[in-house]
Amino acid sequence: MRILPFLLRFRSITPDLLTGVALALGVGAALSAFLGHARLGALLFEVRFLVDCLDGKVARVRGTGSPFGAFFDRAADLVGVGLSYCALGYLAATTVPGFQRFTLLPALLCTFAAAAEFLLASAKARAGRPGPSAVQSSAWGRWCSSHRLATRPWTVEAETLALFLVPLLVPGWAWAGLLIAVVFYSLASLHDLVLAGITLKRAAA
């Protein structure tokens, strides 16, 4: 938020430009990890996250949001994050015996979780319910709401752990961060798919 007023001074800095920069940083992070520079890749990935947080804010403040911008932002996220998972998976496979079978699994589950999240959003839109009413009506949802918590961690937590903190602090243990990401994306996908089914079922009732 402290960077935003500075960026708004320059009309040439558009949301799509920031998304493009974030995409380039994501590719750079993946390339760095692929070449064995896990710490550099982790730092570039976190800078990518910072820039990625700014494009939507600039669009909202200027009122320049568009369907293409939203699609470009989502696609850039999938490419940058997916490539980073692939690169770290490759790096882990070269150092940990038996990890070869898991090389692409984090990236695939990340993509699947994004599809499940999109399906849940579509179910809510189809049911005409913008908010997570199906979640809030459950005991778990009420408990989370009363404690001002989300019903599940967001993908940013998994990405920060697996693609930034672990590679930065203990590069040799990148495989551990990736396995945690696999567990997270599996549970997150199941969470969103179940809620999508509940939402559609209640809308049809």
Protein backbone atom coordinates (compact mmCIF):
# COMPACT_ATOMS: atom_id res chain seq x y z
CA MET A 1 0.00 0.00 0.00
CA ARG A 2 2.97 2.32 0.55
CA ILE A 3 4.22 1.62 -2.98
CA LEU A 4 0.82 2.18 -4.61
CA PRO A 5 0.70 6.03 -4.41
CA PHE A 6 4.12 6.20 -6.06
CA LEU A 7 3.04 3.95 -8.94
CA LEU A 8 -0.16 5.90 -9.50
CA ARG A 9 1.89 8.97 -10.45
CA PHE A 10 2.92 7.29 -13.68
CA ARG A 11 0.11 6.71 -16.17
CA SER A 12 2.43 4.52 -18.23
CA ILE A 13 2.44 1.94 -15.44
CA THR A 14 -0.72 0.01 -16.23
CA PRO A 15 -2.15 -3.08 -14.52
CA ASP A 16 -1.36 -5.20 -17.57
CA LEU A 17 2.24 -3.94 -17.53
CA LEU A 18 2.58 -4.96 -13.89
CA THR A 19 1.08 -8.35 -14.69
CA GLY A 20 3.61 -8.77 -17.49
CA VAL A 21 6.47 -7.87 -15.14
CA ALA A 22 5.16 -10.37 -12.59
CA LEU A 23 5.03 -13.03 -15.31
CA ALA A 24 8.63 -12.30 -16.35
CA LEU A 25 9.77 -12.48 -12.73
CA GLY A 26 7.97 -15.80 -12.31
CA VAL A 27 9.71 -17.22 -15.37
CA GLY A 28 13.02 -15.86 -14.05
CA ALA A 29 12.42 -17.47 -10.67
CA ALA A 30 11.71 -20.82 -12.30
CA LEU A 31 14.76 -20.58 -14.55
CA SER A 32 16.99 -19.72 -11.59
CA ALA A 33 15.73 -22.72 -9.60
CA PHE A 34 16.09 -24.97 -12.66
CA LEU A 35 19.73 -23.92 -12.97
CA GLY A 36 20.35 -24.77 -9.32
CA HIS A 37 20.11 -21.28 -7.82
CA ALA A 38 17.27 -21.99 -5.43
CA ARG A 39 17.82 -18.95 -3.21
CA LEU A 40 17.85 -16.54 -6.15
CA GLY A 41 14.73 -18.19 -7.50
CA ALA A 42 13.03 -17.81 -4.12
CA LEU A 43 13.84 -14.10 -3.96
CA LEU A 44 12.64 -13.50 -7.52
CA PHE A 45 9.45 -15.39 -6.75
CA GLU A 46 8.71 -13.19 -3.76
CA VAL A 47 9.33 -10.04 -5.81
CA ARG A 48 6.91 -11.52 -8.36
CA PHE A 49 4.34 -11.87 -5.60
CA LEU A 50 4.82 -8.23 -4.59
CA VAL A 51 4.29 -7.00 -8.15
CA ASP A 52 1.35 -9.37 -8.59
CA CYS A 53 -0.33 -7.78 -5.55
CA LEU A 54 -0.10 -4.35 -7.17
CA ASP A 55 -1.74 -4.84 -10.58
CA GLY A 56 -5.22 -5.39 -9.20
CA LYS A 57 -4.92 -2.48 -6.79
CA VAL A 58 -3.87 -0.12 -9.59
CA ALA A 59 -6.79 -1.33 -11.71
CA ARG A 60 -9.31 -0.79 -8.89
CA VAL A 61 -8.04 2.69 -8.00
CA ARG A 62 -8.04 3.85 -11.62
CA GLY A 63 -11.21 1.99 -12.54
CA THR A 64 -9.48 0.30 -15.46
CA GLY A 65 -10.29 -3.31 -14.63
CA SER A 66 -11.32 -5.51 -17.55
CA PRO A 67 -12.14 -9.16 -18.25
CA PHE A 68 -8.91 -9.45 -20.24
CA GLY A 69 -6.91 -8.00 -17.34
CA ALA A 70 -8.46 -10.49 -14.92
CA PHE A 71 -7.74 -13.37 -17.31
CA PHE A 72 -4.17 -12.18 -17.96
CA ASP A 73 -3.53 -11.89 -14.21
CA ARG A 74 -4.84 -15.38 -13.53
CA ALA A 75 -2.95 -16.89 -16.46
CA ALA A 76 0.28 -15.19 -15.41
CA ASP A 77 -0.14 -16.58 -11.90
CA LEU A 78 -0.64 -20.12 -13.19
CA VAL A 79 2.36 -19.90 -15.51
CA GLY A 80 4.73 -18.32 -12.99
CA VAL A 81 3.71 -20.52 -10.08
CA GLY A 82 3.43 -23.68 -12.17
CA LEU A 83 6.88 -23.24 -13.74
CA SER A 84 8.40 -22.55 -10.32
CA TYR A 85 6.93 -25.77 -8.96
CA CYS A 86 8.26 -27.66 -12.01
CA ALA A 87 11.73 -26.19 -11.54
CA LEU A 88 11.90 -26.96 -7.83
CA GLY A 89 10.51 -30.42 -8.52
CA TYR A 90 13.31 -30.99 -11.01
CA LEU A 91 15.87 -29.66 -8.53
CA ALA A 92 14.56 -31.96 -5.80
CA ALA A 93 14.55 -34.93 -8.19
CA THR A 94 18.27 -34.43 -8.88
CA THR A 95 19.18 -34.45 -5.19
CA VAL A 96 16.66 -36.77 -3.50
CA PRO A 97 16.53 -40.43 -4.59
CA GLY A 98 13.05 -41.53 -5.54
CA PHE A 99 11.66 -38.01 -5.91
CA GLN A 100 11.59 -38.29 -9.70
CA ARG A 101 8.06 -39.68 -9.60
CA PHE A 102 6.87 -36.50 -7.84
CA THR A 103 8.64 -34.00 -10.11
CA LEU A 104 5.51 -32.62 -11.80
CA LEU A 105 2.97 -33.49 -9.11
CA PRO A 106 3.05 -30.11 -7.26
CA ALA A 107 2.54 -28.20 -10.51
CA LEU A 108 -0.29 -30.48 -11.62
CA LEU A 109 -2.08 -30.26 -8.28
CA CYS A 110 -1.61 -26.48 -8.24
CA THR A 111 -3.38 -26.31 -11.60
CA PHE A 112 -6.10 -28.69 -10.46
CA ALA A 113 -6.69 -26.61 -7.31
CA ALA A 114 -7.06 -23.48 -9.45
CA ALA A 115 -9.66 -25.30 -11.56
CA ALA A 116 -11.53 -26.41 -8.41
CA GLU A 117 -11.49 -22.85 -7.09
CA PHE A 118 -12.89 -21.60 -10.41
CA LEU A 119 -15.60 -24.29 -10.28
CA LEU A 120 -16.61 -23.15 -6.78
CA ALA A 121 -16.80 -19.52 -7.91
CA SER A 122 -18.91 -20.57 -10.89
CA ALA A 123 -21.23 -22.57 -8.64
CA LYS A 124 -21.73 -19.55 -6.38
CA ALA A 125 -22.43 -17.33 -9.39
CA ARG A 126 -24.90 -19.85 -10.79
CA ALA A 127 -26.64 -20.08 -7.43
CA GLY A 128 -26.76 -16.29 -7.20
CA ARG A 129 -24.84 -16.29 -3.96
CA PRO A 130 -21.72 -14.10 -4.03
CA GLY A 131 -20.68 -15.07 -0.51
CA PRO A 132 -19.73 -18.46 0.93
CA SER A 133 -23.18 -19.11 2.43
CA ALA A 134 -22.76 -22.89 2.25
CA VAL A 135 -19.64 -22.65 4.38
CA GLN A 136 -20.99 -20.15 6.86
CA SER A 137 -24.00 -22.32 7.57
CA SER A 138 -21.82 -25.22 8.74
CA ALA A 139 -20.39 -25.55 12.25
CA TRP A 140 -16.87 -25.19 10.86
CA GLY A 141 -17.85 -22.10 8.90
CA ARG A 142 -19.50 -20.48 11.92
CA TRP A 143 -16.45 -21.17 14.09
CA CYS A 144 -14.10 -19.70 11.48
CA SER A 145 -16.35 -16.67 10.99
CA SER A 146 -16.51 -16.01 14.74
CA HIS A 147 -12.70 -16.07 14.89
CA ARG A 148 -12.29 -14.01 11.68
CA LEU A 149 -10.60 -16.90 9.87
CA ALA A 150 -10.99 -18.37 6.42
CA THR A 151 -12.33 -21.91 6.19
CA ARG A 152 -9.05 -23.00 4.66
CA PRO A 153 -5.60 -21.47 4.01
CA TRP A 154 -5.23 -19.58 0.76
CA THR A 155 -2.87 -20.69 -1.97
CA VAL A 156 -0.54 -17.82 -1.13
CA GLU A 157 0.43 -19.60 2.10
CA ALA A 158 1.40 -22.76 0.25
CA GLU A 159 3.30 -20.79 -2.39
CA THR A 160 5.15 -18.71 0.20
CA LEU A 161 6.19 -21.80 2.11
CA ALA A 162 7.11 -24.07 -0.81
CA LEU A 163 8.48 -21.53 -3.30
CA PHE A 164 9.98 -18.86 -1.05
CA LEU A 165 10.71 -19.72 2.59
CA VAL A 166 11.95 -23.31 2.26
CA PRO A 167 14.14 -22.71 -0.84
CA LEU A 168 15.52 -19.52 0.69
CA LEU A 169 16.31 -20.89 4.15
CA VAL A 170 17.05 -24.57 3.44
CA PRO A 171 17.48 -25.11 -0.33
CA GLY A 172 18.42 -28.74 0.18
CA TRP A 173 15.01 -29.39 1.72
CA ALA A 174 13.02 -28.03 -1.20
CA TRP A 175 11.40 -31.46 -1.50
CA ALA A 176 9.79 -31.00 1.94
CA GLY A 177 8.12 -27.74 0.91
CA LEU A 178 6.90 -29.38 -2.27
CA LEU A 179 5.36 -32.32 -0.41
CA ILE A 180 3.60 -29.90 1.94
CA ALA A 181 2.26 -28.11 -1.14
CA VAL A 182 1.00 -31.44 -2.52
CA VAL A 183 -0.93 -32.11 0.68
CA PHE A 184 -2.30 -28.55 0.75
CA TYR A 185 -3.49 -28.52 -2.87
CA SER A 186 -5.07 -31.94 -2.48
CA LEU A 187 -7.07 -30.83 0.56
CA ALA A 188 -7.89 -27.42 -0.95
CA SER A 189 -9.21 -29.05 -4.12
CA LEU A 190 -11.35 -31.46 -2.12
CA HIS A 191 -12.64 -28.55 0.00
CA ASP A 192 -13.65 -26.48 -3.04
CA LEU A 193 -15.20 -29.39 -4.94
CA VAL A 194 -17.31 -30.43 -1.96
CA LEU A 195 -18.49 -26.86 -1.39
CA ALA A 196 -19.28 -26.45 -5.08
CA GLY A 197 -21.47 -29.54 -4.88
CA ILE A 198 -23.19 -28.30 -1.71
CA THR A 199 -23.80 -24.87 -3.24
CA LEU A 200 -25.34 -26.30 -6.42
CA LYS A 201 -27.43 -28.77 -4.47
CA ARG A 202 -28.88 -26.04 -2.23
CA ALA A 203 -29.52 -23.82 -5.23
CA ALA A 204 -31.51 -26.60 -6.89
CA ALA A 205 -33.52 -27.37 -3.75
